[in-house]
């Protein structure tokens, strides 16, 4: 059995996780399983899961487009300068796109979202 839940804050998640009623249900369900309950944490997806946070979705799309344009141009330039000219244009594009997607997905998008969140927190404090 797989159950997917989403919370609007870390505090609400912890409250749910430590809830006596929830823990009773988990113990009851564990009787029917071969192993203990496991938790998979997908905090990076939480911005996409929240329907009330349309601005975050727009921000994510804007960040991705920004990094595609900036990084795509930079990587294209670097590939033309440093890779052998014997590599075909098709393989060059595959190489550049692969690096672009990897950098954006694992480093630049999470960093950019955290950066924007810090800026937003700074404006809310004032």
PDB file of N, CA and C in Angstrom:
ATOM      1  N   UNK A   1       0.845  -1.171   0.000  1.00  0.00           N
ATOM      2  CA  UNK A   1       0.000   0.000   0.000  1.00  0.00           C
ATOM      3  C   UNK A   1       0.889   1.231   0.000  1.00  0.00           C
ATOM      4  N   UNK A   2       0.516   2.196  -0.805  1.00  0.00           N
ATOM      5  CA  UNK A   2       1.244   3.454  -0.870  1.00  0.00           C
ATOM      6  C   UNK A   2       0.264   4.571  -0.569  1.00  0.00           C
ATOM      7  N   UNK A   3       0.652   5.441   0.325  1.00  0.00           N
ATOM      8  CA  UNK A   3      -0.148   6.615   0.652  1.00  0.00           C
ATOM      9  C   UNK A   3       0.710   7.839   0.415  1.00  0.00           C
ATOM     10  N   UNK A   4       0.179   8.797  -0.329  1.00  0.00           N
ATOM     11  CA  UNK A   4       0.905  10.029  -0.606  1.00  0.00           C
ATOM     12  C   UNK A   4       0.162  11.168   0.075  1.00  0.00           C
ATOM     13  N   UNK A   5       0.874  11.931   0.866  1.00  0.00           N
ATOM     14  CA  UNK A   5       0.285  13.071   1.563  1.00  0.00           C
ATOM     15  C   UNK A   5       1.148  14.305   1.331  1.00  0.00           C
ATOM     16  N   UNK A   6       0.508  15.451   1.424  1.00  0.00           N
ATOM     17  CA  UNK A   6       1.216  16.714   1.238  1.00  0.00           C
ATOM     18  C   UNK A   6       0.799  17.662   2.360  1.00  0.00           C
ATOM     19  N   UNK A   7       1.757  18.427   2.855  1.00  0.00           N
ATOM     20  CA  UNK A   7       1.491  19.347   3.955  1.00  0.00           C
ATOM     21  C   UNK A   7       1.972  20.733   3.579  1.00  0.00           C
ATOM     22  N   UNK A   8       1.324  21.742   4.159  1.00  0.00           N
ATOM     23  CA  UNK A   8       1.692  23.113   3.839  1.00  0.00           C
ATOM     24  C   UNK A   8       2.889  23.619   4.630  1.00  0.00           C
ATOM     25  N   UNK A   9       3.313  22.853   5.643  1.00  0.00           N
ATOM     26  CA  UNK A   9       4.493  23.261   6.401  1.00  0.00           C
ATOM     27  C   UNK A   9       5.146  22.043   7.041  1.00  0.00           C
ATOM     28  N   UNK A  10       6.395  22.196   7.399  1.00  0.00           N
ATOM     29  CA  UNK A  10       7.143  21.135   8.074  1.00  0.00           C
ATOM     30  C   UNK A  10       6.524  20.846   9.449  1.00  0.00           C
ATOM     31  N   UNK A  11       6.047  21.889  10.118  1.00  0.00           N
ATOM     32  CA  UNK A  11       5.449  21.721  11.440  1.00  0.00           C
ATOM     33  C   UNK A  11       4.187  20.863  11.363  1.00  0.00           C
ATOM     34  N   UNK A  12       3.347  21.116  10.346  1.00  0.00           N
ATOM     35  CA  UNK A  12       2.131  20.320  10.190  1.00  0.00           C
ATOM     36  C   UNK A  12       2.466  18.865   9.863  1.00  0.00           C
ATOM     37  N   UNK A  13       3.506  18.660   9.075  1.00  0.00           N
ATOM     38  CA  UNK A  13       3.936  17.294   8.767  1.00  0.00           C
ATOM     39  C   UNK A  13       4.382  16.576  10.044  1.00  0.00           C
ATOM     40  N   UNK A  14       5.189  17.253  10.849  1.00  0.00           N
ATOM     41  CA  UNK A  14       5.663  16.642  12.094  1.00  0.00           C
ATOM     42  C   UNK A  14       4.497  16.350  13.037  1.00  0.00           C
ATOM     43  N   UNK A  15       3.526  17.265  13.089  1.00  0.00           N
ATOM     44  CA  UNK A  15       2.351  17.039  13.911  1.00  0.00           C
ATOM     45  C   UNK A  15       1.580  15.810  13.471  1.00  0.00           C
ATOM     46  N   UNK A  16       1.435  15.651  12.154  1.00  0.00           N
ATOM     47  CA  UNK A  16       0.751  14.468  11.613  1.00  0.00           C
ATOM     48  C   UNK A  16       1.549  13.206  11.909  1.00  0.00           C
ATOM     49  N   UNK A  17       2.845  13.282  11.701  1.00  0.00           N
ATOM     50  CA  UNK A  17       3.698  12.109  11.889  1.00  0.00           C
ATOM     51  C   UNK A  17       3.685  11.646  13.348  1.00  0.00           C
ATOM     52  N   UNK A  18       3.585  12.566  14.279  1.00  0.00           N
ATOM     53  CA  UNK A  18       3.605  12.233  15.705  1.00  0.00           C
ATOM     54  C   UNK A  18       2.215  12.073  16.315  1.00  0.00           C
ATOM     55  N   UNK A  19       1.186  12.171  15.492  1.00  0.00           N
ATOM     56  CA  UNK A  19      -0.189  12.065  15.982  1.00  0.00           C
ATOM     57  C   UNK A  19      -0.469  10.663  16.536  1.00  0.00           C
ATOM     58  N   UNK A  20      -1.010  10.571  17.753  1.00  0.00           N
ATOM     59  CA  UNK A  20      -1.332   9.255  18.315  1.00  0.00           C
ATOM     60  C   UNK A  20      -2.354   8.483  17.472  1.00  0.00           C
ATOM     61  N   UNK A  21      -3.332   9.173  16.928  1.00  0.00           N
ATOM     62  CA  UNK A  21      -4.335   8.511  16.094  1.00  0.00           C
ATOM     63  C   UNK A  21      -3.692   7.913  14.844  1.00  0.00           C
ATOM     64  N   UNK A  22      -2.823   8.691  14.208  1.00  0.00           N
ATOM     65  CA  UNK A  22      -2.126   8.207  13.018  1.00  0.00           C
ATOM     66  C   UNK A  22      -1.237   7.010  13.361  1.00  0.00           C
ATOM     67  N   UNK A  23      -0.508   7.115  14.466  1.00  0.00           N
ATOM     68  CA  UNK A  23       0.373   6.015  14.870  1.00  0.00           C
ATOM     69  C   UNK A  23      -0.411   4.740  15.173  1.00  0.00           C
ATOM     70  N   UNK A  24      -1.620   4.872  15.729  1.00  0.00           N
ATOM     71  CA  UNK A  24      -2.469   3.698  15.952  1.00  0.00           C
ATOM     72  C   UNK A  24      -2.853   3.042  14.630  1.00  0.00           C
ATOM     73  N   UNK A  25      -3.197   3.873  13.625  1.00  0.00           N
ATOM     74  CA  UNK A  25      -3.536   3.324  12.308  1.00  0.00           C
ATOM     75  C   UNK A  25      -2.343   2.621  11.678  1.00  0.00           C
ATOM     76  N   UNK A  26      -1.152   3.224  11.798  1.00  0.00           N
ATOM     77  CA  UNK A  26       0.054   2.623  11.229  1.00  0.00           C
ATOM     78  C   UNK A  26       0.334   1.278  11.883  1.00  0.00           C
ATOM     79  N   UNK A  27       0.222   1.203  13.200  1.00  0.00           N
ATOM     80  CA  UNK A  27       0.447  -0.066  13.897  1.00  0.00           C
ATOM     81  C   UNK A  27      -0.558  -1.120  13.441  1.00  0.00           C
ATOM     82  N   UNK A  28      -1.796  -0.705  13.274  1.00  0.00           N
ATOM     83  CA  UNK A  28      -2.832  -1.625  12.830  1.00  0.00           C
ATOM     84  C   UNK A  28      -2.553  -2.133  11.412  1.00  0.00           C
ATOM     85  N   UNK A  29      -2.110  -1.242  10.531  1.00  0.00           N
ATOM     86  CA  UNK A  29      -1.799  -1.639   9.157  1.00  0.00           C
ATOM     87  C   UNK A  29      -0.529  -2.480   9.079  1.00  0.00           C
ATOM     88  N   UNK A  30       0.446  -2.216   9.950  1.00  0.00           N
ATOM     89  CA  UNK A  30       1.697  -2.972   9.938  1.00  0.00           C
ATOM     90  C   UNK A  30       1.477  -4.454  10.212  1.00  0.00           C
ATOM     91  N   UNK A  31       0.382  -4.799  10.842  1.00  0.00           N
ATOM     92  CA  UNK A  31       0.068  -6.207  11.105  1.00  0.00           C
ATOM     93  C   UNK A  31      -0.109  -6.967   9.791  1.00  0.00           C
ATOM     94  N   UNK A  32      -0.588  -6.272   8.764  1.00  0.00           N
ATOM     95  CA  UNK A  32      -0.879  -6.916   7.482  1.00  0.00           C
ATOM     96  C   UNK A  32       0.275  -6.848   6.482  1.00  0.00           C
ATOM     97  N   UNK A  33       1.377  -6.246   6.859  1.00  0.00           N
ATOM     98  CA  UNK A  33       2.509  -6.122   5.936  1.00  0.00           C
ATOM     99  C   UNK A  33       3.668  -6.987   6.393  1.00  0.00           C
ATOM    100  N   UNK A  34       4.605  -7.208   5.473  1.00  0.00           N
ATOM    101  CA  UNK A  34       5.775  -8.028   5.783  1.00  0.00           C
ATOM    102  C   UNK A  34       6.910  -7.221   6.403  1.00  0.00           C
ATOM    103  N   UNK A  35       6.825  -5.917   6.290  1.00  0.00           N
ATOM    104  CA  UNK A  35       7.905  -5.067   6.810  1.00  0.00           C
ATOM    105  C   UNK A  35       7.297  -3.868   7.520  1.00  0.00           C
ATOM    106  N   UNK A  36       8.140  -3.146   8.231  1.00  0.00           N
ATOM    107  CA  UNK A  36       7.679  -1.937   8.897  1.00  0.00           C
ATOM    108  C   UNK A  36       7.369  -0.859   7.869  1.00  0.00           C
ATOM    109  N   UNK A  37       6.660   0.155   8.315  1.00  0.00           N
ATOM    110  CA  UNK A  37       6.307   1.272   7.457  1.00  0.00           C
ATOM    111  C   UNK A  37       7.566   2.042   7.079  1.00  0.00           C
ATOM    112  N   UNK A  38       7.679   2.375   5.812  1.00  0.00           N
ATOM    113  CA  UNK A  38       8.800   3.169   5.303  1.00  0.00           C
ATOM    114  C   UNK A  38       8.277   4.512   4.830  1.00  0.00           C
ATOM    115  N   UNK A  39       9.120   5.527   4.946  1.00  0.00           N
ATOM    116  CA  UNK A  39       8.752   6.859   4.511  1.00  0.00           C
ATOM    117  C   UNK A  39       9.719   7.308   3.422  1.00  0.00           C
ATOM    118  N   UNK A  40       9.170   7.795   2.328  1.00  0.00           N
ATOM    119  CA  UNK A  40       9.975   8.408   1.277  1.00  0.00           C
ATOM    120  C   UNK A  40       9.687   9.900   1.320  1.00  0.00           C
ATOM    121  N   UNK A  41      10.725  10.686   1.345  1.00  0.00           N
ATOM    122  CA  UNK A  41      10.569  12.125   1.483  1.00  0.00           C
ATOM    123  C   UNK A  41      10.843  12.789   0.140  1.00  0.00           C
ATOM    124  N   UNK A  42       9.870  13.530  -0.362  1.00  0.00           N
ATOM    125  CA  UNK A  42      10.011  14.227  -1.638  1.00  0.00           C
ATOM    126  C   UNK A  42       9.790  15.715  -1.432  1.00  0.00           C
ATOM    127  N   UNK A  43      10.561  16.306  -0.542  1.00  0.00           N
ATOM    128  CA  UNK A  43      10.356  17.720  -0.228  1.00  0.00           C
ATOM    129  C   UNK A  43      10.562  18.624  -1.430  1.00  0.00           C
ATOM    130  N   UNK A  44      11.430  18.248  -2.342  1.00  0.00           N
ATOM    131  CA  UNK A  44      11.658  19.078  -3.517  1.00  0.00           C
ATOM    132  C   UNK A  44      10.439  19.194  -4.402  1.00  0.00           C
ATOM    133  N   UNK A  45       9.533  18.227  -4.325  1.00  0.00           N
ATOM    134  CA  UNK A  45       8.323  18.261  -5.133  1.00  0.00           C
ATOM    135  C   UNK A  45       7.196  19.009  -4.451  1.00  0.00           C
ATOM    136  N   UNK A  46       7.388  19.407  -3.217  1.00  0.00           N
ATOM    137  CA  UNK A  46       6.300  20.026  -2.464  1.00  0.00           C
ATOM    138  C   UNK A  46       5.811  21.312  -3.112  1.00  0.00           C
ATOM    139  N   UNK A  47       6.685  22.043  -3.766  1.00  0.00           N
ATOM    140  CA  UNK A  47       6.242  23.272  -4.421  1.00  0.00           C
ATOM    141  C   UNK A  47       5.297  22.989  -5.578  1.00  0.00           C
ATOM    142  N   UNK A  48       5.468  21.842  -6.214  1.00  0.00           N
ATOM    143  CA  UNK A  48       4.600  21.492  -7.330  1.00  0.00           C
ATOM    144  C   UNK A  48       3.278  20.903  -6.869  1.00  0.00           C
ATOM    145  N   UNK A  49       3.219  20.368  -5.670  1.00  0.00           N
ATOM    146  CA  UNK A  49       2.036  19.674  -5.193  1.00  0.00           C
ATOM    147  C   UNK A  49       0.978  20.602  -4.629  1.00  0.00           C
ATOM    148  N   UNK A  50       1.332  21.795  -4.295  1.00  0.00           N
ATOM    149  CA  UNK A  50       0.410  22.698  -3.623  1.00  0.00           C
ATOM    150  C   UNK A  50      -0.450  23.452  -4.630  1.00  0.00           C
ATOM    151  N   UNK A  51      -1.767  23.174  -4.694  1.00  0.00           N
ATOM    152  CA  UNK A  51      -2.606  23.852  -5.675  1.00  0.00           C
ATOM    153  C   UNK A  51      -2.794  25.336  -5.405  1.00  0.00           C
ATOM    154  N   UNK A  52      -2.666  25.778  -4.150  1.00  0.00           N
ATOM    155  CA  UNK A  52      -2.862  27.183  -3.823  1.00  0.00           C
ATOM    156  C   UNK A  52      -1.646  28.026  -4.162  1.00  0.00           C
ATOM    157  N   UNK A  53      -0.571  27.401  -4.533  1.00  0.00           N
ATOM    158  CA  UNK A  53       0.672  28.124  -4.738  1.00  0.00           C
ATOM    159  C   UNK A  53       0.980  28.263  -6.229  1.00  0.00           C
ATOM    160  N   UNK A  54       0.054  28.879  -6.969  1.00  0.00           N
ATOM    161  CA  UNK A  54       0.238  29.059  -8.407  1.00  0.00           C
ATOM    162  C   UNK A  54       1.446  29.907  -8.740  1.00  0.00           C
ATOM    163  N   UNK A  55       1.754  30.885  -7.881  1.00  0.00           N
ATOM    164  CA  UNK A  55       2.920  31.735  -8.131  1.00  0.00           C
ATOM    165  C   UNK A  55       4.197  30.921  -8.120  1.00  0.00           C
ATOM    166  N   UNK A  56       4.265  29.911  -7.251  1.00  0.00           N
ATOM    167  CA  UNK A  56       5.470  29.083  -7.197  1.00  0.00           C
ATOM    168  C   UNK A  56       5.643  28.317  -8.502  1.00  0.00           C
ATOM    169  N   UNK A  57       4.546  27.847  -9.089  1.00  0.00           N
ATOM    170  CA  UNK A  57       4.638  27.127 -10.360  1.00  0.00           C
ATOM    171  C   UNK A  57       5.133  28.051 -11.465  1.00  0.00           C
ATOM    172  N   UNK A  58       4.629  29.282 -11.469  1.00  0.00           N
ATOM    173  CA  UNK A  58       5.091  30.252 -12.455  1.00  0.00           C
ATOM    174  C   UNK A  58       6.570  30.560 -12.233  1.00  0.00           C
ATOM    175  N   UNK A  59       6.972  30.681 -10.979  1.00  0.00           N
ATOM    176  CA  UNK A  59       8.382  30.946 -10.665  1.00  0.00           C
ATOM    177  C   UNK A  59       9.258  29.795 -11.126  1.00  0.00           C
ATOM    178  N   UNK A  60       8.795  28.557 -10.925  1.00  0.00           N
ATOM    179  CA  UNK A  60       9.572  27.396 -11.349  1.00  0.00           C
ATOM    180  C   UNK A  60       9.753  27.396 -12.866  1.00  0.00           C
ATOM    181  N   UNK A  61       8.678  27.658 -13.592  1.00  0.00           N
ATOM    182  CA  UNK A  61       8.761  27.700 -15.054  1.00  0.00           C
ATOM    183  C   UNK A  61       9.698  28.820 -15.501  1.00  0.00           C
ATOM    184  N   UNK A  62       9.576  29.989 -14.877  1.00  0.00           N
ATOM    185  CA  UNK A  62      10.449  31.119 -15.238  1.00  0.00           C
ATOM    186  C   UNK A  62      11.913  30.798 -14.955  1.00  0.00           C
ATOM    187  N   UNK A  63      12.187  30.162 -13.820  1.00  0.00           N
ATOM    188  CA  UNK A  63      13.566  29.798 -13.482  1.00  0.00           C
ATOM    189  C   UNK A  63      14.112  28.793 -14.488  1.00  0.00           C
ATOM    190  N   UNK A  64      13.313  27.806 -14.832  1.00  0.00           N
ATOM    191  CA  UNK A  64      13.770  26.792 -15.791  1.00  0.00           C
ATOM    192  C   UNK A  64      14.066  27.430 -17.140  1.00  0.00           C
ATOM    193  N   UNK A  65      13.174  28.299 -17.617  1.00  0.00           N
ATOM    194  CA  UNK A  65      13.411  28.970 -18.904  1.00  0.00           C
ATOM    195  C   UNK A  65      14.672  29.824 -18.837  1.00  0.00           C
ATOM    196  N   UNK A  66      14.826  30.565 -17.741  1.00  0.00           N
ATOM    197  CA  UNK A  66      16.024  31.391 -17.578  1.00  0.00           C
ATOM    198  C   UNK A  66      17.290  30.550 -17.675  1.00  0.00           C
ATOM    199  N   UNK A  67      17.350  29.441 -16.904  1.00  0.00           N
ATOM    200  CA  UNK A  67      18.559  28.626 -16.902  1.00  0.00           C
ATOM    201  C   UNK A  67      18.772  27.911 -18.226  1.00  0.00           C
ATOM    202  N   UNK A  68      17.701  27.528 -18.910  1.00  0.00           N
ATOM    203  CA  UNK A  68      17.854  26.906 -20.232  1.00  0.00           C
ATOM    204  C   UNK A  68      18.526  27.880 -21.190  1.00  0.00           C
ATOM    205  N   UNK A  69      18.051  29.116 -21.181  1.00  0.00           N
ATOM    206  CA  UNK A  69      18.630  30.112 -22.093  1.00  0.00           C
ATOM    207  C   UNK A  69      20.070  30.457 -21.730  1.00  0.00           C
ATOM    208  N   UNK A  70      20.304  30.765 -20.454  1.00  0.00           N
ATOM    209  CA  UNK A  70      21.652  31.169 -20.031  1.00  0.00           C
ATOM    210  C   UNK A  70      22.639  30.018 -20.149  1.00  0.00           C
ATOM    211  N   UNK A  71      22.284  28.896 -19.539  1.00  0.00           N
ATOM    212  CA  UNK A  71      23.204  27.758 -19.529  1.00  0.00           C
ATOM    213  C   UNK A  71      23.355  27.143 -20.914  1.00  0.00           C
ATOM    214  N   UNK A  72      22.250  27.126 -21.678  1.00  0.00           N
ATOM    215  CA  UNK A  72      22.330  26.591 -23.040  1.00  0.00           C
ATOM    216  C   UNK A  72      23.306  27.378 -23.896  1.00  0.00           C
ATOM    217  N   UNK A  73      23.232  28.704 -23.805  1.00  0.00           N
ATOM    218  CA  UNK A  73      24.167  29.541 -24.566  1.00  0.00           C
ATOM    219  C   UNK A  73      25.603  29.355 -24.105  1.00  0.00           C
ATOM    220  N   UNK A  74      25.796  29.327 -22.795  1.00  0.00           N
ATOM    221  CA  UNK A  74      27.148  29.159 -22.243  1.00  0.00           C
ATOM    222  C   UNK A  74      27.731  27.794 -22.604  1.00  0.00           C
ATOM    223  N   UNK A  75      26.935  26.748 -22.412  1.00  0.00           N
ATOM    224  CA  UNK A  75      27.433  25.404 -22.726  1.00  0.00           C
ATOM    225  C   UNK A  75      27.669  25.223 -24.217  1.00  0.00           C
ATOM    226  N   UNK A  76      26.816  25.816 -25.038  1.00  0.00           N
ATOM    227  CA  UNK A  76      27.033  25.756 -26.488  1.00  0.00           C
ATOM    228  C   UNK A  76      28.349  26.413 -26.872  1.00  0.00           C
ATOM    229  N   UNK A  77      28.624  27.571 -26.289  1.00  0.00           N
ATOM    230  CA  UNK A  77      29.884  28.269 -26.552  1.00  0.00           C
ATOM    231  C   UNK A  77      31.079  27.433 -26.103  1.00  0.00           C
ATOM    232  N   UNK A  78      31.003  26.903 -24.868  1.00  0.00           N
ATOM    233  CA  UNK A  78      32.108  26.100 -24.344  1.00  0.00           C
ATOM    234  C   UNK A  78      32.320  24.826 -25.163  1.00  0.00           C
ATOM    235  N   UNK A  79      31.232  24.210 -25.586  1.00  0.00           N
ATOM    236  CA  UNK A  79      31.351  22.990 -26.394  1.00  0.00           C
ATOM    237  C   UNK A  79      32.029  23.293 -27.721  1.00  0.00           C
ATOM    238  N   UNK A  80      31.670  24.392 -28.345  1.00  0.00           N
ATOM    239  CA  UNK A  80      32.294  24.763 -29.620  1.00  0.00           C
ATOM    240  C   UNK A  80      33.774  25.097 -29.457  1.00  0.00           C
ATOM    241  N   UNK A  81      34.139  25.652 -28.316  1.00  0.00           N
ATOM    242  CA  UNK A  81      35.524  26.033 -28.073  1.00  0.00           C
ATOM    243  C   UNK A  81      36.414  24.855 -27.676  1.00  0.00           C
ATOM    244  N   UNK A  82      35.890  23.930 -26.872  1.00  0.00           N
ATOM    245  CA  UNK A  82      36.755  22.938 -26.250  1.00  0.00           C
ATOM    246  C   UNK A  82      36.565  21.503 -26.732  1.00  0.00           C
ATOM    247  N   UNK A  83      35.465  21.193 -27.350  1.00  0.00           N
ATOM    248  CA  UNK A  83      35.270  19.824 -27.844  1.00  0.00           C
ATOM    249  C   UNK A  83      35.846  19.706 -29.248  1.00  0.00           C
ATOM    250  N   UNK A  84      36.280  18.527 -29.606  1.00  0.00           N
ATOM    251  CA  UNK A  84      36.855  18.350 -30.945  1.00  0.00           C
ATOM    252  C   UNK A  84      35.843  18.664 -32.041  1.00  0.00           C
ATOM    253  N   UNK A  85      36.334  19.219 -33.135  1.00  0.00           N
ATOM    254  CA  UNK A  85      35.454  19.573 -34.256  1.00  0.00           C
ATOM    255  C   UNK A  85      34.938  18.336 -34.985  1.00  0.00           C
ATOM    256  N   UNK A  86      35.504  17.179 -34.684  1.00  0.00           N
ATOM    257  CA  UNK A  86      35.058  15.950 -35.353  1.00  0.00           C
ATOM    258  C   UNK A  86      33.731  15.426 -34.799  1.00  0.00           C
ATOM    259  N   UNK A  87      33.284  15.970 -33.682  1.00  0.00           N
ATOM    260  CA  UNK A  87      31.994  15.555 -33.123  1.00  0.00           C
ATOM    261  C   UNK A  87      30.883  16.194 -33.961  1.00  0.00           C
ATOM    262  N   UNK A  88      29.912  15.377 -34.358  1.00  0.00           N
ATOM    263  CA  UNK A  88      28.822  15.898 -35.185  1.00  0.00           C
ATOM    264  C   UNK A  88      27.945  16.851 -34.371  1.00  0.00           C
ATOM    265  N   UNK A  89      27.205  17.691 -35.081  1.00  0.00           N
ATOM    266  CA  UNK A  89      26.336  18.670 -34.419  1.00  0.00           C
ATOM    267  C   UNK A  89      25.260  17.976 -33.589  1.00  0.00           C
ATOM    268  N   UNK A  90      24.749  16.860 -34.060  1.00  0.00           N
ATOM    269  CA  UNK A  90      23.716  16.131 -33.327  1.00  0.00           C
ATOM    270  C   UNK A  90      24.254  15.640 -31.981  1.00  0.00           C
ATOM    271  N   UNK A  91      25.454  15.042 -31.985  1.00  0.00           N
ATOM    272  CA  UNK A  91      26.038  14.560 -30.728  1.00  0.00           C
ATOM    273  C   UNK A  91      26.421  15.715 -29.813  1.00  0.00           C
ATOM    274  N   UNK A  92      26.826  16.820 -30.396  1.00  0.00           N
ATOM    275  CA  UNK A  92      27.147  18.011 -29.618  1.00  0.00           C
ATOM    276  C   UNK A  92      25.889  18.505 -28.895  1.00  0.00           C
ATOM    277  N   UNK A  93      24.752  18.531 -29.608  1.00  0.00           N
ATOM    278  CA  UNK A  93      23.493  18.960 -28.993  1.00  0.00           C
ATOM    279  C   UNK A  93      23.054  18.005 -27.890  1.00  0.00           C
ATOM    280  N   UNK A  94      23.197  16.705 -28.111  1.00  0.00           N
ATOM    281  CA  UNK A  94      22.841  15.726 -27.086  1.00  0.00           C
ATOM    282  C   UNK A  94      23.695  15.954 -25.835  1.00  0.00           C
ATOM    283  N   UNK A  95      24.963  16.168 -26.024  1.00  0.00           N
ATOM    284  CA  UNK A  95      25.888  16.402 -24.922  1.00  0.00           C
ATOM    285  C   UNK A  95      25.515  17.672 -24.150  1.00  0.00           C
ATOM    286  N   UNK A  96      25.277  18.757 -24.863  1.00  0.00           N
ATOM    287  CA  UNK A  96      24.956  20.039 -24.228  1.00  0.00           C
ATOM    288  C   UNK A  96      23.615  19.965 -23.499  1.00  0.00           C
ATOM    289  N   UNK A  97      22.612  19.364 -24.117  1.00  0.00           N
ATOM    290  CA  UNK A  97      21.295  19.259 -23.488  1.00  0.00           C
ATOM    291  C   UNK A  97      21.353  18.373 -22.241  1.00  0.00           C
ATOM    292  N   UNK A  98      22.103  17.282 -22.307  1.00  0.00           N
ATOM    293  CA  UNK A  98      22.232  16.392 -21.156  1.00  0.00           C
ATOM    294  C   UNK A  98      22.866  17.108 -19.968  1.00  0.00           C
ATOM    295  N   UNK A  99      23.926  17.834 -20.216  1.00  0.00           N
ATOM    296  CA  UNK A  99      24.575  18.584 -19.140  1.00  0.00           C
ATOM    297  C   UNK A  99      23.649  19.684 -18.630  1.00  0.00           C
ATOM    298  N   UNK A 100      22.958  20.354 -19.536  1.00  0.00           N
ATOM    299  CA  UNK A 100      22.034  21.423 -19.172  1.00  0.00           C
ATOM    300  C   UNK A 100      20.930  20.895 -18.262  1.00  0.00           C
ATOM    301  N   UNK A 101      20.291  19.818 -18.644  1.00  0.00           N
ATOM    302  CA  UNK A 101      19.197  19.244 -17.847  1.00  0.00           C
ATOM    303  C   UNK A 101      19.705  18.778 -16.487  1.00  0.00           C
ATOM    304  N   UNK A 102      20.855  18.138 -16.463  1.00  0.00           N
ATOM    305  CA  UNK A 102      21.418  17.647 -15.202  1.00  0.00           C
ATOM    306  C   UNK A 102      21.732  18.799 -14.249  1.00  0.00           C
ATOM    307  N   UNK A 103      22.400  19.818 -14.746  1.00  0.00           N
ATOM    308  CA  UNK A 103      22.746  20.958 -13.896  1.00  0.00           C
ATOM    309  C   UNK A 103      21.511  21.685 -13.386  1.00  0.00           C
ATOM    310  N   UNK A 104      20.534  21.884 -14.260  1.00  0.00           N
ATOM    311  CA  UNK A 104      19.320  22.588 -13.840  1.00  0.00           C
ATOM    312  C   UNK A 104      18.550  21.756 -12.821  1.00  0.00           C
ATOM    313  N   UNK A 105      18.358  20.489 -13.099  1.00  0.00           N
ATOM    314  CA  UNK A 105      17.523  19.640 -12.241  1.00  0.00           C
ATOM    315  C   UNK A 105      18.106  19.443 -10.861  1.00  0.00           C
ATOM    316  N   UNK A 106      19.396  19.176 -10.793  1.00  0.00           N
ATOM    317  CA  UNK A 106      19.987  18.795  -9.518  1.00  0.00           C
ATOM    318  C   UNK A 106      20.648  19.927  -8.754  1.00  0.00           C
ATOM    319  N   UNK A 107      20.985  20.995  -9.417  1.00  0.00           N
ATOM    320  CA  UNK A 107      21.715  22.061  -8.731  1.00  0.00           C
ATOM    321  C   UNK A 107      21.043  23.426  -8.858  1.00  0.00           C
ATOM    322  N   UNK A 108      20.830  23.880 -10.078  1.00  0.00           N
ATOM    323  CA  UNK A 108      20.410  25.261 -10.280  1.00  0.00           C
ATOM    324  C   UNK A 108      18.958  25.524  -9.896  1.00  0.00           C
ATOM    325  N   UNK A 109      18.032  24.615 -10.211  1.00  0.00           N
ATOM    326  CA  UNK A 109      16.638  24.832  -9.839  1.00  0.00           C
ATOM    327  C   UNK A 109      16.455  24.810  -8.322  1.00  0.00           C
ATOM    328  N   UNK A 110      16.956  23.792  -7.607  1.00  0.00           N
ATOM    329  CA  UNK A 110      16.817  23.841  -6.142  1.00  0.00           C
ATOM    330  C   UNK A 110      17.483  25.068  -5.517  1.00  0.00           C
ATOM    331  N   UNK A 111      18.669  25.421  -6.004  1.00  0.00           N
ATOM    332  CA  UNK A 111      19.362  26.594  -5.469  1.00  0.00           C
ATOM    333  C   UNK A 111      18.563  27.858  -5.758  1.00  0.00           C
ATOM    334  N   UNK A 112      18.055  27.996  -6.975  1.00  0.00           N
ATOM    335  CA  UNK A 112      17.285  29.183  -7.346  1.00  0.00           C
ATOM    336  C   UNK A 112      16.004  29.304  -6.527  1.00  0.00           C
ATOM    337  N   UNK A 113      15.315  28.181  -6.303  1.00  0.00           N
ATOM    338  CA  UNK A 113      14.099  28.207  -5.498  1.00  0.00           C
ATOM    339  C   UNK A 113      14.399  28.614  -4.056  1.00  0.00           C
ATOM    340  N   UNK A 114      15.477  28.095  -3.497  1.00  0.00           N
ATOM    341  CA  UNK A 114      15.870  28.473  -2.135  1.00  0.00           C
ATOM    342  C   UNK A 114      16.244  29.951  -2.084  1.00  0.00           C
ATOM    343  N   UNK A 115      16.935  30.428  -3.108  1.00  0.00           N
ATOM    344  CA  UNK A 115      17.330  31.830  -3.187  1.00  0.00           C
ATOM    345  C   UNK A 115      16.098  32.729  -3.239  1.00  0.00           C
ATOM    346  N   UNK A 116      15.130  32.384  -4.084  1.00  0.00           N
ATOM    347  CA  UNK A 116      13.897  33.171  -4.167  1.00  0.00           C
ATOM    348  C   UNK A 116      13.109  33.131  -2.861  1.00  0.00           C
ATOM    349  N   UNK A 117      13.097  31.987  -2.218  1.00  0.00           N
ATOM    350  CA  UNK A 117      12.404  31.855  -0.929  1.00  0.00           C
ATOM    351  C   UNK A 117      13.048  32.756   0.114  1.00  0.00           C
ATOM    352  N   UNK A 118      14.366  32.833   0.130  1.00  0.00           N
ATOM    353  CA  UNK A 118      15.066  33.723   1.068  1.00  0.00           C
ATOM    354  C   UNK A 118      14.757  35.189   0.774  1.00  0.00           C
ATOM    355  N   UNK A 119      14.683  35.532  -0.503  1.00  0.00           N
ATOM    356  CA  UNK A 119      14.326  36.915  -0.873  1.00  0.00           C
ATOM    357  C   UNK A 119      12.905  37.214  -0.423  1.00  0.00           C
ATOM    358  N   UNK A 120      11.988  36.258  -0.652  1.00  0.00           N
ATOM    359  CA  UNK A 120      10.595  36.445  -0.266  1.00  0.00           C
ATOM    360  C   UNK A 120      10.474  36.617   1.248  1.00  0.00           C
ATOM    361  N   UNK A 121      11.191  35.805   2.006  1.00  0.00           N
ATOM    362  CA  UNK A 121      11.178  35.913   3.474  1.00  0.00           C
ATOM    363  C   UNK A 121      11.695  37.272   3.928  1.00  0.00           C
ATOM    364  N   UNK A 122      12.726  37.771   3.229  1.00  0.00           N
ATOM    365  CA  UNK A 122      13.283  39.078   3.570  1.00  0.00           C
ATOM    366  C   UNK A 122      12.276  40.195   3.366  1.00  0.00           C
ATOM    367  N   UNK A 123      11.478  40.131   2.280  1.00  0.00           N
ATOM    368  CA  UNK A 123      10.457  41.139   2.038  1.00  0.00           C
ATOM    369  C   UNK A 123       9.308  41.018   3.022  1.00  0.00           C
ATOM    370  N   UNK A 124       8.969  39.813   3.431  1.00  0.00           N
ATOM    371  CA  UNK A 124       7.853  39.624   4.358  1.00  0.00           C
ATOM    372  C   UNK A 124       8.186  40.119   5.757  1.00  0.00           C
ATOM    373  N   UNK A 125       9.473  40.104   6.124  1.00  0.00           N
ATOM    374  CA  UNK A 125       9.882  40.558   7.453  1.00  0.00           C
ATOM    375  C   UNK A 125       9.765  42.059   7.592  1.00  0.00           C
ATOM    376  N   UNK A 126       9.886  42.776   6.482  1.00  0.00           N
ATOM    377  CA  UNK A 126       9.902  44.261   6.532  1.00  0.00           C
ATOM    378  C   UNK A 126       8.509  44.819   6.699  1.00  0.00           C
TER     379      UNK A 126
END
